Amino acid sequence: EDTVIIADPMIATGSTLIEVLREVKR
């Protein structure tokens, strides 16, 4: 039932957030 909000000021190449999203899915 949760809404997950990932806060990161700059979405540049997307590399960092892709790795974070993979972790969140775990």
PDB file of all heavy atoms in Angstrom:
ATOM      1  N   GLU A   1       0.818  -1.224   0.000  1.00  0.00           N
ATOM      2  CA  GLU A   1       0.000   0.000   0.000  1.00  0.00           C
ATOM      3  C   GLU A   1       0.848   1.270   0.000  1.00  0.00           C
ATOM      4  O   GLU A   1       0.305   2.389  -0.001  1.00  0.00           O
ATOM      5  CB  GLU A   1      -0.942   0.012   1.210  1.00  0.00           C
ATOM      6  CG  GLU A   1      -0.262   0.107   2.563  1.00  0.00           C
ATOM      7  CD  GLU A   1       0.015  -1.241   3.192  1.00  0.00           C
ATOM      8  OE1 GLU A   1       0.158  -2.234   2.438  1.00  0.00           O
ATOM      9  OE2 GLU A   1       0.078  -1.320   4.435  1.00  0.00           O
ATOM     10  N   ASP A   2       2.157   1.137  -0.012  1.00  0.00           N
ATOM     11  CA  ASP A   2       3.041   2.296   0.090  1.00  0.00           C
ATOM     12  C   ASP A   2       3.227   3.022  -1.243  1.00  0.00           C
ATOM     13  O   ASP A   2       3.200   2.412  -2.317  1.00  0.00           O
ATOM     14  CB  ASP A   2       4.428   1.877   0.592  1.00  0.00           C
ATOM     15  CG  ASP A   2       4.437   1.538   2.063  1.00  0.00           C
ATOM     16  OD1 ASP A   2       3.586   2.065   2.799  1.00  0.00           O
ATOM     17  OD2 ASP A   2       5.305   0.747   2.484  1.00  0.00           O
ATOM     18  N   THR A   3       3.453   4.325  -1.126  1.00  0.00           N
ATOM     19  CA  THR A   3       3.974   5.139  -2.220  1.00  0.00           C
ATOM     20  C   THR A   3       5.426   5.450  -1.878  1.00  0.00           C
ATOM     21  O   THR A   3       5.700   6.051  -0.841  1.00  0.00           O
ATOM     22  CB  THR A   3       3.190   6.449  -2.387  1.00  0.00           C
ATOM     23  OG1 THR A   3       1.843   6.149  -2.792  1.00  0.00           O
ATOM     24  CG2 THR A   3       3.838   7.351  -3.430  1.00  0.00           C
ATOM     25  N   VAL A   4       6.338   5.021  -2.722  1.00  0.00           N
ATOM     26  CA  VAL A   4       7.765   5.276  -2.508  1.00  0.00           C
ATOM     27  C   VAL A   4       8.156   6.513  -3.313  1.00  0.00           C
ATOM     28  O   VAL A   4       7.929   6.577  -4.517  1.00  0.00           O
ATOM     29  CB  VAL A   4       8.623   4.075  -2.931  1.00  0.00           C
ATOM     30  CG1 VAL A   4      10.112   4.421  -2.827  1.00  0.00           C
ATOM     31  CG2 VAL A   4       8.294   2.859  -2.065  1.00  0.00           C
ATOM     32  N   ILE A   5       8.747   7.499  -2.626  1.00  0.00           N
ATOM     33  CA  ILE A   5       9.232   8.707  -3.285  1.00  0.00           C
ATOM     34  C   ILE A   5      10.747   8.723  -3.172  1.00  0.00           C
ATOM     35  O   ILE A   5      11.299   8.783  -2.070  1.00  0.00           O
ATOM     36  CB  ILE A   5       8.644   9.976  -2.643  1.00  0.00           C
ATOM     37  CG1 ILE A   5       7.108   9.948  -2.695  1.00  0.00           C
ATOM     38  CG2 ILE A   5       9.175  11.226  -3.342  1.00  0.00           C
ATOM     39  CD1 ILE A   5       6.448  11.098  -1.952  1.00  0.00           C
ATOM     40  N   ILE A   6      11.424   8.649  -4.308  1.00  0.00           N
ATOM     41  CA  ILE A   6      12.887   8.693  -4.344  1.00  0.00           C
ATOM     42  C   ILE A   6      13.297  10.120  -4.674  1.00  0.00           C
ATOM     43  O   ILE A   6      13.006  10.623  -5.755  1.00  0.00           O
ATOM     44  CB  ILE A   6      13.454   7.715  -5.381  1.00  0.00           C
ATOM     45  CG1 ILE A   6      12.982   6.292  -5.065  1.00  0.00           C
ATOM     46  CG2 ILE A   6      14.981   7.790  -5.400  1.00  0.00           C
ATOM     47  CD1 ILE A   6      13.346   5.280  -6.133  1.00  0.00           C
ATOM     48  N   ALA A   7      13.961  10.774  -3.730  1.00  0.00           N
ATOM     49  CA  ALA A   7      14.344  12.174  -3.895  1.00  0.00           C
ATOM     50  C   ALA A   7      15.795  12.276  -4.343  1.00  0.00           C
ATOM     51  O   ALA A   7      16.707  11.819  -3.652  1.00  0.00           O
ATOM     52  CB  ALA A   7      14.142  12.939  -2.575  1.00  0.00           C
ATOM     53  N   ASP A   8      15.998  12.875  -5.514  1.00  0.00           N
ATOM     54  CA  ASP A   8      17.336  13.110  -6.054  1.00  0.00           C
ATOM     55  C   ASP A   8      17.246  14.353  -6.929  1.00  0.00           C
ATOM     56  O   ASP A   8      16.495  14.351  -7.909  1.00  0.00           O
ATOM     57  CB  ASP A   8      17.815  11.908  -6.869  1.00  0.00           C
ATOM     58  CG  ASP A   8      19.302  11.982  -7.203  1.00  0.00           C
ATOM     59  OD1 ASP A   8      19.971  12.909  -6.719  1.00  0.00           O
ATOM     60  OD2 ASP A   8      19.781  11.111  -7.947  1.00  0.00           O
ATOM     61  N   PRO A   9      17.957  15.429  -6.586  1.00  0.00           N
ATOM     62  CA  PRO A   9      17.758  16.702  -7.294  1.00  0.00           C
ATOM     63  C   PRO A   9      17.958  16.644  -8.794  1.00  0.00           C
ATOM     64  O   PRO A   9      17.215  17.257  -9.548  1.00  0.00           O
ATOM     65  CB  PRO A   9      18.782  17.638  -6.640  1.00  0.00           C
ATOM     66  CG  PRO A   9      19.010  17.071  -5.293  1.00  0.00           C
ATOM     67  CD  PRO A   9      18.896  15.586  -5.464  1.00  0.00           C
ATOM     68  N   MET A  10      18.985  15.888  -9.265  1.00  0.00           N
ATOM     69  CA  MET A  10      19.342  15.932 -10.675  1.00  0.00           C
ATOM     70  C   MET A  10      19.160  14.565 -11.333  1.00  0.00           C
ATOM     71  O   MET A  10      19.790  13.586 -10.934  1.00  0.00           O
ATOM     72  CB  MET A  10      20.790  16.388 -10.839  1.00  0.00           C
ATOM     73  CG  MET A  10      21.145  17.654 -10.056  1.00  0.00           C
ATOM     74  SD  MET A  10      20.178  19.086 -10.565  1.00  0.00           S
ATOM     75  CE  MET A  10      21.039  19.537 -12.058  1.00  0.00           C
ATOM     76  N   ILE A  11      18.299  14.501 -12.327  1.00  0.00           N
ATOM     77  CA  ILE A  11      18.118  13.285 -13.120  1.00  0.00           C
ATOM     78  C   ILE A  11      18.870  13.528 -14.422  1.00  0.00           C
ATOM     79  O   ILE A  11      18.328  14.072 -15.378  1.00  0.00           O
ATOM     80  CB  ILE A  11      16.630  12.994 -13.374  1.00  0.00           C
ATOM     81  CG1 ILE A  11      15.862  12.955 -12.045  1.00  0.00           C
ATOM     82  CG2 ILE A  11      16.467  11.682 -14.124  1.00  0.00           C
ATOM     83  CD1 ILE A  11      14.367  12.871 -12.201  1.00  0.00           C
ATOM     84  N   ALA A  12      20.135  13.161 -14.429  1.00  0.00           N
ATOM     85  CA  ALA A  12      21.017  13.488 -15.562  1.00  0.00           C
ATOM     86  C   ALA A  12      21.117  12.295 -16.506  1.00  0.00           C
ATOM     87  O   ALA A  12      20.275  12.114 -17.369  1.00  0.00           O
ATOM     88  CB  ALA A  12      22.382  13.931 -15.042  1.00  0.00           C
ATOM     89  N   THR A  13      22.127  11.444 -16.318  1.00  0.00           N
ATOM     90  CA  THR A  13      22.247  10.256 -17.166  1.00  0.00           C
ATOM     91  C   THR A  13      21.234   9.181 -16.793  1.00  0.00           C
ATOM     92  O   THR A  13      20.945   8.284 -17.575  1.00  0.00           O
ATOM     93  CB  THR A  13      23.652   9.648 -17.064  1.00  0.00           C
ATOM     94  OG1 THR A  13      23.853   9.165 -15.725  1.00  0.00           O
ATOM     95  CG2 THR A  13      24.719  10.684 -17.406  1.00  0.00           C
ATOM     96  N   GLY A  14      20.717   9.261 -15.557  1.00  0.00           N
ATOM     97  CA  GLY A  14      19.805   8.234 -15.059  1.00  0.00           C
ATOM     98  C   GLY A  14      20.520   7.062 -14.409  1.00  0.00           C
ATOM     99  O   GLY A  14      19.871   6.200 -13.809  1.00  0.00           O
ATOM    100  N   SER A  15      21.856   7.020 -14.480  1.00  0.00           N
ATOM    101  CA  SER A  15      22.617   5.877 -13.969  1.00  0.00           C
ATOM    102  C   SER A  15      22.387   5.644 -12.480  1.00  0.00           C
ATOM    103  O   SER A  15      22.149   4.514 -12.046  1.00  0.00           O
ATOM    104  CB  SER A  15      24.109   6.090 -14.236  1.00  0.00           C
ATOM    105  OG  SER A  15      24.366   6.240 -15.607  1.00  0.00           O
ATOM    106  N   THR A  16      22.472   6.722 -11.687  1.00  0.00           N
ATOM    107  CA  THR A  16      22.312   6.587 -10.242  1.00  0.00           C
ATOM    108  C   THR A  16      20.920   6.092  -9.890  1.00  0.00           C
ATOM    109  O   THR A  16      20.747   5.147  -9.102  1.00  0.00           O
ATOM    110  CB  THR A  16      22.581   7.928  -9.551  1.00  0.00           C
ATOM    111  OG1 THR A  16      23.920   8.341  -9.812  1.00  0.00           O
ATOM    112  CG2 THR A  16      22.368   7.822  -8.046  1.00  0.00           C
ATOM    113  N   LEU A  17      19.909   6.695 -10.480  1.00  0.00           N
ATOM    114  CA  LEU A  17      18.539   6.339 -10.117  1.00  0.00           C
ATOM    115  C   LEU A  17      18.170   4.933 -10.569  1.00  0.00           C
ATOM    116  O   LEU A  17      17.390   4.249  -9.890  1.00  0.00           O
ATOM    117  CB  LEU A  17      17.563   7.364 -10.701  1.00  0.00           C
ATOM    118  CG  LEU A  17      17.516   8.667  -9.908  1.00  0.00           C
ATOM    119  CD1 LEU A  17      16.867   9.778 -10.695  1.00  0.00           C
ATOM    120  CD2 LEU A  17      16.770   8.451  -8.586  1.00  0.00           C
ATOM    121  N   ILE A  18      18.716   4.472 -11.658  1.00  0.00           N
ATOM    122  CA  ILE A  18      18.462   3.095 -12.074  1.00  0.00           C
ATOM    123  C   ILE A  18      18.992   2.115 -11.028  1.00  0.00           C
ATOM    124  O   ILE A  18      18.312   1.145 -10.660  1.00  0.00           O
ATOM    125  CB  ILE A  18      19.087   2.828 -13.459  1.00  0.00           C
ATOM    126  CG1 ILE A  18      18.230   3.499 -14.542  1.00  0.00           C
ATOM    127  CG2 ILE A  18      19.193   1.325 -13.738  1.00  0.00           C
ATOM    128  CD1 ILE A  18      18.842   3.477 -15.923  1.00  0.00           C
ATOM    129  N   GLU A  19      20.182   2.381 -10.495  1.00  0.00           N
ATOM    130  CA  GLU A  19      20.730   1.511  -9.449  1.00  0.00           C
ATOM    131  C   GLU A  19      19.896   1.596  -8.174  1.00  0.00           C
ATOM    132  O   GLU A  19      19.658   0.584  -7.504  1.00  0.00           O
ATOM    133  CB  GLU A  19      22.184   1.879  -9.164  1.00  0.00           C
ATOM    134  CG  GLU A  19      23.138   1.590 -10.303  1.00  0.00           C
ATOM    135  CD  GLU A  19      23.155   0.119 -10.686  1.00  0.00           C
ATOM    136  OE1 GLU A  19      23.078  -0.734  -9.777  1.00  0.00           O
ATOM    137  OE2 GLU A  19      23.223  -0.179 -11.891  1.00  0.00           O
ATOM    138  N   VAL A  20      19.460   2.807  -7.822  1.00  0.00           N
ATOM    139  CA  VAL A  20      18.621   2.971  -6.628  1.00  0.00           C
ATOM    140  C   VAL A  20      17.292   2.245  -6.809  1.00  0.00           C
ATOM    141  O   VAL A  20      16.805   1.565  -5.894  1.00  0.00           O
ATOM    142  CB  VAL A  20      18.401   4.465  -6.328  1.00  0.00           C
ATOM    143  CG1 VAL A  20      17.392   4.635  -5.188  1.00  0.00           C
ATOM    144  CG2 VAL A  20      19.716   5.141  -5.969  1.00  0.00           C
ATOM    145  N   LEU A  21      16.694   2.358  -7.976  1.00  0.00           N
ATOM    146  CA  LEU A  21      15.420   1.681  -8.238  1.00  0.00           C
ATOM    147  C   LEU A  21      15.584   0.163  -8.146  1.00  0.00           C
ATOM    148  O   LEU A  21      14.694  -0.522  -7.626  1.00  0.00           O
ATOM    149  CB  LEU A  21      14.892   2.080  -9.615  1.00  0.00           C
ATOM    150  CG  LEU A  21      14.281   3.484  -9.691  1.00  0.00           C
ATOM    151  CD1 LEU A  21      14.184   3.962 -11.135  1.00  0.00           C
ATOM    152  CD2 LEU A  21      12.901   3.496  -9.036  1.00  0.00           C
ATOM    153  N   ARG A  22      16.681  -0.357  -8.622  1.00  0.00           N
ATOM    154  CA  ARG A  22      16.922  -1.798  -8.493  1.00  0.00           C
ATOM    155  C   ARG A  22      16.986  -2.220  -7.031  1.00  0.00           C
ATOM    156  O   ARG A  22      16.468  -3.281  -6.650  1.00  0.00           O
ATOM    157  CB  ARG A  22      18.218  -2.179  -9.213  1.00  0.00           C
ATOM    158  CG  ARG A  22      18.118  -2.113 -10.734  1.00  0.00           C
ATOM    159  CD  ARG A  22      19.478  -2.282 -11.389  1.00  0.00           C
ATOM    160  NE  ARG A  22      19.397  -2.225 -12.845  1.00  0.00           N
ATOM    161  CZ  ARG A  22      20.436  -2.057 -13.648  1.00  0.00           C
ATOM    162  NH1 ARG A  22      21.663  -1.947 -13.127  1.00  0.00           N
ATOM    163  NH2 ARG A  22      20.278  -2.007 -14.960  1.00  0.00           N
ATOM    164  N   GLU A  23      17.616  -1.391  -6.202  1.00  0.00           N
ATOM    165  CA  GLU A  23      17.678  -1.695  -4.762  1.00  0.00           C
ATOM    166  C   GLU A  23      16.298  -1.630  -4.128  1.00  0.00           C
ATOM    167  O   GLU A  23      15.920  -2.494  -3.338  1.00  0.00           O
ATOM    168  CB  GLU A  23      18.627  -0.723  -4.068  1.00  0.00           C
ATOM    169  CG  GLU A  23      20.091  -0.991  -4.294  1.00  0.00           C
ATOM    170  CD  GLU A  23      20.541  -2.303  -3.654  1.00  0.00           C
ATOM    171  OE1 GLU A  23      19.944  -2.709  -2.632  1.00  0.00           O
ATOM    172  OE2 GLU A  23      21.474  -2.913  -4.183  1.00  0.00           O
ATOM    173  N   VAL A  24      15.533  -0.601  -4.467  1.00  0.00           N
ATOM    174  CA  VAL A  24      14.201  -0.428  -3.884  1.00  0.00           C
ATOM    175  C   VAL A  24      13.333  -1.655  -4.169  1.00  0.00           C
ATOM    176  O   VAL A  24      12.583  -2.126  -3.294  1.00  0.00           O
ATOM    177  CB  VAL A  24      13.535   0.852  -4.430  1.00  0.00           C
ATOM    178  CG1 VAL A  24      12.043   0.881  -4.096  1.00  0.00           C
ATOM    179  CG2 VAL A  24      14.222   2.085  -3.858  1.00  0.00           C
ATOM    180  N   LYS A  25      13.448  -2.203  -5.356  1.00  0.00           N
ATOM    181  CA  LYS A  25      12.634  -3.359  -5.745  1.00  0.00           C
ATOM    182  C   LYS A  25      12.927  -4.571  -4.857  1.00  0.00           C
ATOM    183  O   LYS A  25      12.086  -5.477  -4.739  1.00  0.00           O
ATOM    184  CB  LYS A  25      12.918  -3.715  -7.203  1.00  0.00           C
ATOM    185  CG  LYS A  25      12.446  -2.681  -8.211  1.00  0.00           C
ATOM    186  CD  LYS A  25      10.966  -2.809  -8.465  1.00  0.00           C
ATOM    187  CE  LYS A  25      10.527  -1.967  -9.639  1.00  0.00           C
ATOM    188  NZ  LYS A  25       9.101  -2.163  -9.974  1.00  0.00           N
ATOM    189  N   ARG A  26      14.085  -4.607  -4.231  1.00  0.00           N
ATOM    190  CA  ARG A  26      14.447  -5.741  -3.370  1.00  0.00           C
ATOM    191  C   ARG A  26      13.695  -5.714  -2.043  1.00  0.00           C
ATOM    192  O   ARG A  26      13.668  -6.711  -1.322  1.00  0.00           O
ATOM    193  CB  ARG A  26      15.946  -5.740  -3.101  1.00  0.00           C
ATOM    194  CG  ARG A  26      16.802  -5.866  -4.350  1.00  0.00           C
ATOM    195  CD  ARG A  26      18.274  -5.766  -4.027  1.00  0.00           C
ATOM    196  NE  ARG A  26      18.717  -6.842  -3.157  1.00  0.00           N
ATOM    197  CZ  ARG A  26      19.937  -6.971  -2.680  1.00  0.00           C
ATOM    198  NH1 ARG A  26      20.854  -6.069  -2.981  1.00  0.00           N
ATOM    199  NH2 ARG A  26      20.264  -7.976  -1.897  1.00  0.00           N
TER     200      ARG A  26
END
